[in-house]
PDB file of N, CA and C in Angstrom:
ATOM      1  N   MET A   1      13.996  -1.629   1.679  1.00  0.00           N
ATOM      2  CA  MET A   1      14.032  -0.397   2.664  1.00  0.00           C
ATOM      3  C   MET A   1      12.636   0.333   2.700  1.00  0.00           C
ATOM      4  N   ILE A   2      12.268   0.844   3.824  1.00  0.00           N
ATOM      5  CA  ILE A   2      10.997   1.346   4.002  1.00  0.00           C
ATOM      6  C   ILE A   2      11.341   3.015   3.636  1.00  0.00           C
ATOM      7  N   ASP A   3      10.394   3.560   3.093  1.00  0.00           N
ATOM      8  CA  ASP A   3      10.451   4.974   2.672  1.00  0.00           C
ATOM      9  C   ASP A   3       9.402   5.602   3.740  1.00  0.00           C
ATOM     10  N   HIS A   4       9.912   6.123   4.780  1.00  0.00           N
ATOM     11  CA  HIS A   4       8.986   6.609   5.828  1.00  0.00           C
ATOM     12  C   HIS A   4       8.229   7.842   5.368  1.00  0.00           C
ATOM     13  N   TYR A   5       8.684   8.870   4.506  1.00  0.00           N
ATOM     14  CA  TYR A   5       7.840   9.669   4.070  1.00  0.00           C
ATOM     15  C   TYR A   5       6.553   9.338   3.172  1.00  0.00           C
ATOM     16  N   LYS A   6       6.768   8.391   2.260  1.00  0.00           N
ATOM     17  CA  LYS A   6       5.645   7.784   1.503  1.00  0.00           C
ATOM     18  C   LYS A   6       4.920   7.100   2.476  1.00  0.00           C
ATOM     19  N   LEU A   7       5.425   6.337   3.273  1.00  0.00           N
ATOM     20  CA  LEU A   7       4.519   5.498   4.419  1.00  0.00           C
ATOM     21  C   LEU A   7       3.514   6.485   5.012  1.00  0.00           C
ATOM     22  N   GLN A   8       4.006   7.532   5.524  1.00  0.00           N
ATOM     23  CA  GLN A   8       3.195   8.682   6.275  1.00  0.00           C
ATOM     24  C   GLN A   8       2.117   9.158   5.233  1.00  0.00           C
ATOM     25  N   VAL A   9       2.443   9.631   4.060  1.00  0.00           N
ATOM     26  CA  VAL A   9       1.532   9.944   3.148  1.00  0.00           C
ATOM     27  C   VAL A   9       0.522   8.989   2.889  1.00  0.00           C
ATOM     28  N   ALA A  10       0.912   7.682   2.823  1.00  0.00           N
ATOM     29  CA  ALA A  10      -0.016   6.592   2.439  1.00  0.00           C
ATOM     30  C   ALA A  10      -1.094   6.360   3.816  1.00  0.00           C
ATOM     31  N   GLN A  11      -0.446   6.354   4.959  1.00  0.00           N
ATOM     32  CA  GLN A  11      -1.432   6.220   6.281  1.00  0.00           C
ATOM     33  C   GLN A  11      -2.214   7.277   6.114  1.00  0.00           C
ATOM     34  N   GLY A  12      -1.928   8.613   5.798  1.00  0.00           N
ATOM     35  CA  GLY A  12      -3.030   9.743   5.785  1.00  0.00           C
ATOM     36  C   GLY A  12      -3.776   9.601   4.724  1.00  0.00           C
ATOM     37  N   GLU A  13      -3.630   9.060   3.679  1.00  0.00           N
ATOM     38  CA  GLU A  13      -4.655   8.752   2.721  1.00  0.00           C
ATOM     39  C   GLU A  13      -5.765   7.786   3.127  1.00  0.00           C
ATOM     40  N   LEU A  14      -5.095   6.599   3.850  1.00  0.00           N
ATOM     41  CA  LEU A  14      -5.808   5.681   4.327  1.00  0.00           C
ATOM     42  C   LEU A  14      -6.901   6.208   5.259  1.00  0.00           C
ATOM     43  N   ALA A  15      -6.413   6.941   6.321  1.00  0.00           N
ATOM     44  CA  ALA A  15      -7.165   7.485   7.334  1.00  0.00           C
ATOM     45  C   ALA A  15      -8.429   8.338   6.529  1.00  0.00           C
ATOM     46  N   ILE A  16      -8.082   9.161   5.561  1.00  0.00           N
ATOM     47  CA  ILE A  16      -9.029   9.965   5.012  1.00  0.00           C
ATOM     48  C   ILE A  16     -10.144   9.032   4.297  1.00  0.00           C
ATOM     49  N   ALA A  17      -9.680   8.019   3.680  1.00  0.00           N
ATOM     50  CA  ALA A  17     -10.569   7.177   2.766  1.00  0.00           C
ATOM     51  C   ALA A  17     -11.454   6.372   3.839  1.00  0.00           C
ATOM     52  N   ALA A  18     -10.978   6.042   5.071  1.00  0.00           N
ATOM     53  CA  ALA A  18     -11.762   5.330   5.888  1.00  0.00           C
ATOM     54  C   ALA A  18     -12.780   6.314   6.374  1.00  0.00           C
ATOM     55  N   CYS A  19     -12.561   7.553   6.634  1.00  0.00           N
ATOM     56  CA  CYS A  19     -13.448   8.699   7.150  1.00  0.00           C
ATOM     57  C   CYS A  19     -14.604   8.787   6.196  1.00  0.00           C
ATOM     58  N   LEU A  20     -14.120   8.742   4.864  1.00  0.00           N
ATOM     59  CA  LEU A  20     -15.093   9.178   3.820  1.00  0.00           C
ATOM     60  C   LEU A  20     -15.822   8.088   3.353  1.00  0.00           C
ATOM     61  N   GLY A  21     -15.237   6.774   3.716  1.00  0.00           N
ATOM     62  CA  GLY A  21     -15.784   5.580   3.212  1.00  0.00           C
ATOM     63  C   GLY A  21     -15.676   5.525   1.670  1.00  0.00           C
ATOM     64  N   ASP A  22     -14.530   5.784   1.119  1.00  0.00           N
ATOM     65  CA  ASP A  22     -14.146   5.959  -0.211  1.00  0.00           C
ATOM     66  C   ASP A  22     -13.391   4.669  -0.550  1.00  0.00           C
ATOM     67  N   GLY A  23     -13.817   3.640  -1.065  1.00  0.00           N
ATOM     68  CA  GLY A  23     -13.110   2.338  -1.564  1.00  0.00           C
ATOM     69  C   GLY A  23     -11.962   2.649  -2.580  1.00  0.00           C
ATOM     70  N   GLU A  24     -12.229   3.451  -3.311  1.00  0.00           N
ATOM     71  CA  GLU A  24     -11.363   3.681  -4.536  1.00  0.00           C
ATOM     72  C   GLU A  24     -10.095   4.278  -3.936  1.00  0.00           C
ATOM     73  N   LEU A  25     -10.283   5.292  -3.020  1.00  0.00           N
ATOM     74  CA  LEU A  25      -9.141   6.113  -2.591  1.00  0.00           C
ATOM     75  C   LEU A  25      -8.501   5.025  -1.522  1.00  0.00           C
ATOM     76  N   TRP A  26      -9.154   4.305  -0.937  1.00  0.00           N
ATOM     77  CA  TRP A  26      -8.459   3.299   0.039  1.00  0.00           C
ATOM     78  C   TRP A  26      -7.624   2.251  -0.841  1.00  0.00           C
ATOM     79  N   GLU A  27      -8.141   1.770  -1.914  1.00  0.00           N
ATOM     80  CA  GLU A  27      -7.188   0.979  -2.762  1.00  0.00           C
ATOM     81  C   GLU A  27      -6.095   1.616  -3.143  1.00  0.00           C
ATOM     82  N   ARG A  28      -6.121   2.994  -3.598  1.00  0.00           N
ATOM     83  CA  ARG A  28      -5.015   3.487  -4.219  1.00  0.00           C
ATOM     84  C   ARG A  28      -4.004   3.825  -3.024  1.00  0.00           C
ATOM     85  N   ALA A  29      -4.485   4.185  -1.885  1.00  0.00           N
ATOM     86  CA  ALA A  29      -3.606   4.368  -0.628  1.00  0.00           C
ATOM     87  C   ALA A  29      -3.021   3.013  -0.391  1.00  0.00           C
ATOM     88  N   MET A  30      -3.538   1.864  -0.326  1.00  0.00           N
ATOM     89  CA  MET A  30      -2.844   0.531  -0.025  1.00  0.00           C
ATOM     90  C   MET A  30      -1.750   0.361  -0.817  1.00  0.00           C
ATOM     91  N   LYS A  31      -2.039   0.680  -2.299  1.00  0.00           N
ATOM     92  CA  LYS A  31      -0.889   0.333  -3.383  1.00  0.00           C
ATOM     93  C   LYS A  31       0.280   1.310  -2.943  1.00  0.00           C
ATOM     94  N   LYS A  32      -0.047   2.524  -2.506  1.00  0.00           N
ATOM     95  CA  LYS A  32       0.956   3.454  -2.345  1.00  0.00           C
ATOM     96  C   LYS A  32       1.859   2.929  -0.853  1.00  0.00           C
ATOM     97  N   LEU A  33       1.048   2.391   0.043  1.00  0.00           N
ATOM     98  CA  LEU A  33       1.469   1.887   1.167  1.00  0.00           C
ATOM     99  C   LEU A  33       2.553   0.522   0.912  1.00  0.00           C
ATOM    100  N   SER A  34       2.146  -0.121  -0.053  1.00  0.00           N
ATOM    101  CA  SER A  34       2.853  -1.332  -0.524  1.00  0.00           C
ATOM    102  C   SER A  34       4.056  -0.949  -1.236  1.00  0.00           C
ATOM    103  N   ILE A  35       4.121   0.106  -1.969  1.00  0.00           N
ATOM    104  CA  ILE A  35       5.405   0.462  -2.502  1.00  0.00           C
ATOM    105  C   ILE A  35       6.171   1.184  -1.592  1.00  0.00           C
ATOM    106  N   ALA A  36       5.690   1.924  -0.556  1.00  0.00           N
ATOM    107  CA  ALA A  36       6.543   2.667   0.624  1.00  0.00           C
ATOM    108  C   ALA A  36       7.098   1.597   1.214  1.00  0.00           C
ATOM    109  N   ILE A  37       6.661   0.308   1.761  1.00  0.00           N
ATOM    110  CA  ILE A  37       7.352  -0.579   2.511  1.00  0.00           C
ATOM    111  C   ILE A  37       7.965  -1.581   1.831  1.00  0.00           C
ATOM    112  N   GLY A  38       8.033  -1.556   0.413  1.00  0.00           N
ATOM    113  CA  GLY A  38       8.944  -2.310  -0.378  1.00  0.00           C
ATOM    114  C   GLY A  38       8.313  -3.648  -0.699  1.00  0.00           C
ATOM    115  N   LEU A  39       7.045  -3.763  -0.684  1.00  0.00           N
ATOM    116  CA  LEU A  39       6.427  -5.279  -1.070  1.00  0.00           C
ATOM    117  C   LEU A  39       6.761  -5.502  -2.567  1.00  0.00           C
ATOM    118  N   PRO A  40       6.641  -6.592  -2.979  1.00  0.00           N
ATOM    119  CA  PRO A  40       6.703  -7.836  -2.258  1.00  0.00           C
ATOM    120  C   PRO A  40       8.093  -8.113  -1.749  1.00  0.00           C
ATOM    121  N   TRP A  41       8.184  -8.754  -0.456  1.00  0.00           N
ATOM    122  CA  TRP A  41       9.360  -9.009   0.112  1.00  0.00           C
ATOM    123  C   TRP A  41      10.037 -10.267  -0.643  1.00  0.00           C
ATOM    124  N   TYR A  42       9.168 -11.120  -1.020  1.00  0.00           N
ATOM    125  CA  TYR A  42       9.528 -12.257  -1.765  1.00  0.00           C
ATOM    126  C   TYR A  42       8.886 -12.486  -3.229  1.00  0.00           C
ATOM    127  N   ARG A  43       9.361 -13.354  -3.992  1.00  0.00           N
ATOM    128  CA  ARG A  43       8.489 -13.672  -5.263  1.00  0.00           C
ATOM    129  C   ARG A  43       8.116 -15.182  -5.121  1.00  0.00           C
ATOM    130  N   ARG A  44       6.827 -15.282  -5.594  1.00  0.00           N
ATOM    131  CA  ARG A  44       6.335 -16.661  -5.450  1.00  0.00           C
ATOM    132  C   ARG A  44       6.855 -17.436  -6.778  1.00  0.00           C
ATOM    133  N   ASN A  45       6.943 -18.649  -6.609  1.00  0.00           N
ATOM    134  CA  ASN A  45       7.306 -19.487  -7.961  1.00  0.00           C
ATOM    135  C   ASN A  45       6.014 -19.833  -8.458  1.00  0.00           C
ATOM    136  N   THR A  46       5.879 -19.229  -9.686  1.00  0.00           N
ATOM    137  CA  THR A  46       4.596 -19.042 -10.511  1.00  0.00           C
ATOM    138  C   THR A  46       4.485 -20.486 -11.531  1.00  0.00           C
ATOM    139  N   THR A  47       5.815 -21.316 -11.653  1.00  0.00           N
ATOM    140  CA  THR A  47       5.563 -22.393 -12.416  1.00  0.00           C
ATOM    141  C   THR A  47       4.837 -23.497 -11.841  1.00  0.00           C
ATOM    142  N   THR A  48       4.178 -24.181 -12.627  1.00  0.00           N
ATOM    143  CA  THR A  48       3.547 -25.368 -12.048  1.00  0.00           C
ATOM    144  C   THR A  48       4.258 -26.661 -12.271  1.00  0.00           C
ATOM    145  N   HIS A  49       4.129 -27.429 -11.374  1.00  0.00           N
ATOM    146  CA  HIS A  49       4.977 -28.844 -11.359  1.00  0.00           C
ATOM    147  C   HIS A  49       4.015 -29.855 -12.048  1.00  0.00           C
TER     148      HIS A  49
END
């Protein structure tokens, strides 16, 4: 389920980070965006065959 409030906050932070050219702020905002949209939607199989 998408948390629209958190999504809007993360998008705002992404816009600010892009304007400032701040890579660290951009990465933090991307993590918040991932949490807001509920990633990961699936889990990878980490076992090797």
